Amino acid sequence: MADRRPGRPRSIDAMRSALEATERILDEVGYDALTMTAVAARAGVGKQTLYRWWPSKHALVAECVLAGALPVAAILPVSTGHAADDLRQWWRSTRAALDDDRHRAVFRALSTAALSEPDAAERLDRQLGGPIEQALAAVLADGAASGELRAELDIAATVRLLMGALVLALVTGRDGALDDAVLDTVLDGARVR
């Protein structure tokens, strides 16, 4: 993410224009074809200005997501009282989002930003990863409370297993990382025996 540096304050309007230009270009051509040059031209700012604010294309895209400028919202599972069904719905929705080339490219940009920039990692965790984990934990806790899932289920570990499969699919693009069999295996271990 952009570091705050001493000196003249950034133009909020120019920054907003850059984020809006990024959103439009992503929508038109996707992440792979997006360039800092195209964003600068569309926003009416210098390319060096963009690089002063964001050190890379993935940092700029991450900022768009974190600022809410892009329609890439966290896919949150919703607890309806049927944990297995709720998790399956979330799993399939997430897989569908990652199967879309444009979404996958944006999610990979977020991963790259998180790996290369500590501030981005913290903000992405707080604004995207954290809410997904909390929603998963709520679904699992409701399932344990209703007796559908084991009462002694290690909810935190189960959330980490599900998120790990999601990250594996995201980072590697590996076919099968989000197959139903993966979720079925997790659920088999979580269900009351």
Protein backbone atom coordinates (compact mmCIF):
# COMPACT_ATOMS: atom_id res chain seq x y z
CA MET A 1 0.00 0.00 0.00
CA ALA A 2 1.01 3.58 -0.30
CA ASP A 3 3.39 4.80 2.38
CA ARG A 4 2.75 8.20 3.87
CA ARG A 5 5.78 10.32 3.05
CA PRO A 6 6.69 13.77 4.33
CA GLY A 7 6.16 16.67 2.00
CA ARG A 8 3.27 18.00 0.01
CA PRO A 9 -0.01 16.15 0.76
CA ARG A 10 -1.46 14.00 -1.97
CA SER A 11 -4.34 15.23 -3.96
CA ILE A 12 -7.37 13.34 -2.74
CA ASP A 13 -9.18 14.06 -6.00
CA ALA A 14 -6.28 12.74 -8.10
CA MET A 15 -6.05 9.62 -5.95
CA ARG A 16 -9.79 9.04 -6.23
CA SER A 17 -9.52 9.55 -9.99
CA ALA A 18 -6.73 6.95 -10.17
CA LEU A 19 -8.82 4.42 -8.24
CA GLU A 20 -11.85 5.06 -10.44
CA ALA A 21 -9.71 4.75 -13.58
CA THR A 22 -8.32 1.47 -12.27
CA GLU A 23 -11.82 0.16 -11.66
CA ARG A 24 -12.97 1.10 -15.17
CA ILE A 25 -9.90 -0.34 -16.88
CA LEU A 26 -10.17 -3.58 -14.90
CA ASP A 27 -13.78 -3.87 -15.97
CA GLU A 28 -12.88 -3.21 -19.61
CA VAL A 29 -9.74 -5.30 -20.09
CA GLY A 30 -9.06 -7.26 -16.89
CA TYR A 31 -6.09 -7.33 -14.54
CA ASP A 32 -3.53 -8.80 -16.92
CA ALA A 33 -4.00 -6.02 -19.49
CA LEU A 34 -4.19 -3.21 -16.92
CA THR A 35 -1.10 -0.99 -16.93
CA MET A 36 0.03 1.86 -14.74
CA THR A 37 0.45 3.91 -17.94
CA ALA A 38 -3.19 3.38 -18.90
CA VAL A 39 -4.37 4.24 -15.38
CA ALA A 40 -2.26 7.41 -15.31
CA ALA A 41 -3.58 8.51 -18.70
CA ARG A 42 -7.21 7.81 -17.81
CA ALA A 43 -6.89 9.49 -14.40
CA GLY A 44 -5.02 12.49 -15.75
CA VAL A 45 -2.07 12.05 -13.41
CA GLY A 46 1.58 11.30 -14.05
CA LYS A 47 2.77 7.71 -14.01
CA GLN A 48 5.42 8.64 -11.46
CA THR A 49 2.66 10.00 -9.24
CA LEU A 50 0.96 6.59 -9.32
CA TYR A 51 4.22 4.87 -8.41
CA ARG A 52 4.72 7.30 -5.54
CA TRP A 53 1.34 6.30 -4.18
CA TRP A 54 1.41 2.61 -5.10
CA PRO A 55 4.66 0.76 -5.82
CA SER A 56 3.04 -1.71 -8.21
CA LYS A 57 -0.04 -2.60 -10.18
CA HIS A 58 -1.08 -5.22 -7.62
CA ALA A 59 -0.78 -2.63 -4.83
CA LEU A 60 -3.04 -0.28 -6.79
CA VAL A 61 -5.63 -3.01 -7.36
CA ALA A 62 -5.46 -4.00 -3.68
CA GLU A 63 -6.10 -0.38 -2.74
CA CYS A 64 -9.15 -0.36 -5.03
CA VAL A 65 -10.53 -3.42 -3.30
CA LEU A 66 -9.78 -2.09 0.17
CA ALA A 67 -11.30 1.29 -0.67
CA GLY A 68 -14.45 -0.45 -1.86
CA ALA A 69 -13.94 0.89 -5.37
CA LEU A 70 -14.19 -2.55 -6.95
CA PRO A 71 -17.17 -4.90 -6.87
CA VAL A 72 -15.02 -7.67 -5.42
CA ALA A 73 -16.64 -8.32 -2.07
CA ALA A 74 -15.73 -11.09 0.33
CA ILE A 75 -17.92 -14.10 -0.23
CA LEU A 76 -19.32 -14.61 3.22
CA PRO A 77 -21.06 -17.80 4.23
CA VAL A 78 -24.42 -17.24 5.86
CA SER A 79 -25.65 -19.38 8.72
CA THR A 80 -29.16 -20.69 8.14
CA GLY A 81 -28.96 -23.37 10.79
CA HIS A 82 -27.80 -26.08 8.37
CA ALA A 83 -24.01 -25.94 8.56
CA ALA A 84 -23.24 -28.48 5.84
CA ASP A 85 -25.58 -26.80 3.36
CA ASP A 86 -24.31 -23.34 4.30
CA LEU A 87 -20.69 -24.39 3.84
CA ARG A 88 -21.45 -26.12 0.55
CA GLN A 89 -23.18 -22.99 -0.78
CA TRP A 90 -20.21 -20.83 0.26
CA TRP A 91 -17.74 -23.35 -1.19
CA ARG A 92 -19.45 -23.44 -4.57
CA SER A 93 -19.90 -19.65 -4.73
CA THR A 94 -16.23 -19.18 -3.92
CA ARG A 95 -15.21 -21.73 -6.53
CA ALA A 96 -17.39 -19.99 -9.13
CA ALA A 97 -15.76 -16.64 -8.34
CA LEU A 98 -12.28 -18.13 -8.68
CA ASP A 99 -13.23 -19.85 -11.94
CA ASP A 100 -13.88 -16.42 -13.46
CA ASP A 101 -10.60 -15.27 -15.04
CA ARG A 102 -11.08 -11.61 -14.08
CA HIS A 103 -11.92 -12.38 -10.46
CA ARG A 104 -9.05 -14.86 -10.19
CA ALA A 105 -6.58 -12.27 -11.53
CA VAL A 106 -7.77 -9.69 -9.01
CA PHE A 107 -7.59 -12.19 -6.14
CA ARG A 108 -4.06 -13.13 -7.20
CA ALA A 109 -3.12 -9.45 -7.25
CA LEU A 110 -4.41 -9.20 -3.69
CA SER A 111 -2.28 -12.19 -2.71
CA THR A 112 0.79 -10.65 -4.30
CA ALA A 113 0.15 -7.35 -2.55
CA ALA A 114 -0.26 -9.15 0.78
CA LEU A 115 2.99 -11.07 0.30
CA SER A 116 5.03 -8.05 -0.68
CA GLU A 117 3.59 -5.29 1.48
CA PRO A 118 2.99 -5.73 5.23
CA ASP A 119 0.44 -2.92 5.39
CA ALA A 120 -1.54 -4.50 2.57
CA ALA A 121 -1.44 -7.87 4.30
CA GLU A 122 -2.79 -6.42 7.53
CA ARG A 123 -5.55 -4.46 5.79
CA LEU A 124 -6.54 -7.37 3.54
CA ASP A 125 -6.74 -9.66 6.54
CA ARG A 126 -8.80 -7.15 8.49
CA GLN A 127 -11.18 -6.27 5.66
CA LEU A 128 -11.44 -9.51 3.68
CA GLY A 129 -9.85 -12.56 5.29
CA GLY A 130 -11.00 -11.79 8.82
CA PRO A 131 -14.68 -11.37 7.93
CA ILE A 132 -14.65 -14.61 5.92
CA GLU A 133 -13.03 -16.48 8.81
CA GLN A 134 -15.50 -15.01 11.31
CA ALA A 135 -18.47 -15.97 9.14
CA LEU A 136 -17.11 -19.50 8.69
CA ALA A 137 -16.59 -19.79 12.44
CA ALA A 138 -20.17 -18.65 13.05
CA VAL A 139 -21.54 -21.29 10.65
CA LEU A 140 -19.45 -23.99 12.33
CA ALA A 141 -20.38 -22.82 15.85
CA ASP A 142 -24.07 -22.83 14.93
CA GLY A 143 -23.64 -26.35 13.53
CA ALA A 144 -21.97 -27.51 16.73
CA ALA A 145 -24.64 -25.85 18.89
CA SER A 146 -27.45 -27.51 16.92
CA GLY A 147 -25.86 -30.95 17.15
CA GLU A 148 -25.23 -31.22 13.41
CA LEU A 149 -21.48 -30.95 14.02
CA ARG A 150 -19.42 -32.33 16.89
CA ALA A 151 -19.62 -30.20 20.03
CA GLU A 152 -15.88 -30.58 20.58
CA LEU A 153 -15.07 -29.50 17.02
CA ASP A 154 -11.95 -27.33 16.85
CA ILE A 155 -13.61 -24.48 15.00
CA ALA A 156 -10.43 -22.44 14.53
CA ALA A 157 -8.59 -25.42 13.02
CA THR A 158 -11.53 -26.22 10.73
CA VAL A 159 -11.64 -22.61 9.53
CA ARG A 160 -7.88 -22.78 8.83
CA LEU A 161 -8.38 -25.97 6.78
CA LEU A 162 -11.08 -24.34 4.66
CA MET A 163 -9.15 -21.10 4.23
CA GLY A 164 -6.00 -23.06 3.38
CA ALA A 165 -7.77 -24.83 0.53
CA LEU A 166 -9.07 -21.48 -0.67
CA VAL A 167 -5.60 -19.92 -0.62
CA LEU A 168 -4.10 -22.96 -2.36
CA ALA A 169 -6.66 -22.66 -5.14
CA LEU A 170 -6.09 -18.94 -5.39
CA VAL A 171 -2.30 -18.96 -5.44
CA THR A 172 -1.68 -22.04 -7.55
CA GLY A 173 -4.79 -22.19 -9.71
CA ARG A 174 -4.56 -25.93 -9.13
CA ASP A 175 -7.51 -27.85 -10.49
CA GLY A 176 -9.32 -29.72 -7.75
CA ALA A 177 -8.19 -27.53 -4.86
CA LEU A 178 -11.82 -26.57 -4.28
CA ASP A 179 -13.45 -29.82 -5.36
CA ASP A 180 -16.47 -30.88 -3.34
CA ALA A 181 -14.38 -33.82 -2.09
CA VAL A 182 -12.19 -31.40 -0.12
CA LEU A 183 -15.20 -29.92 1.67
CA ASP A 184 -16.74 -33.38 2.12
CA THR A 185 -13.57 -34.55 3.86
CA VAL A 186 -13.64 -31.58 6.23
CA LEU A 187 -17.34 -32.11 6.93
CA ASP A 188 -16.84 -35.84 7.50
CA GLY A 189 -14.40 -34.98 10.28
CA ALA A 190 -16.72 -32.33 11.71
CA ARG A 191 -20.00 -34.25 11.80
CA VAL A 192 -21.36 -35.98 14.86
CA ARG A 193 -20.45 -39.67 14.75
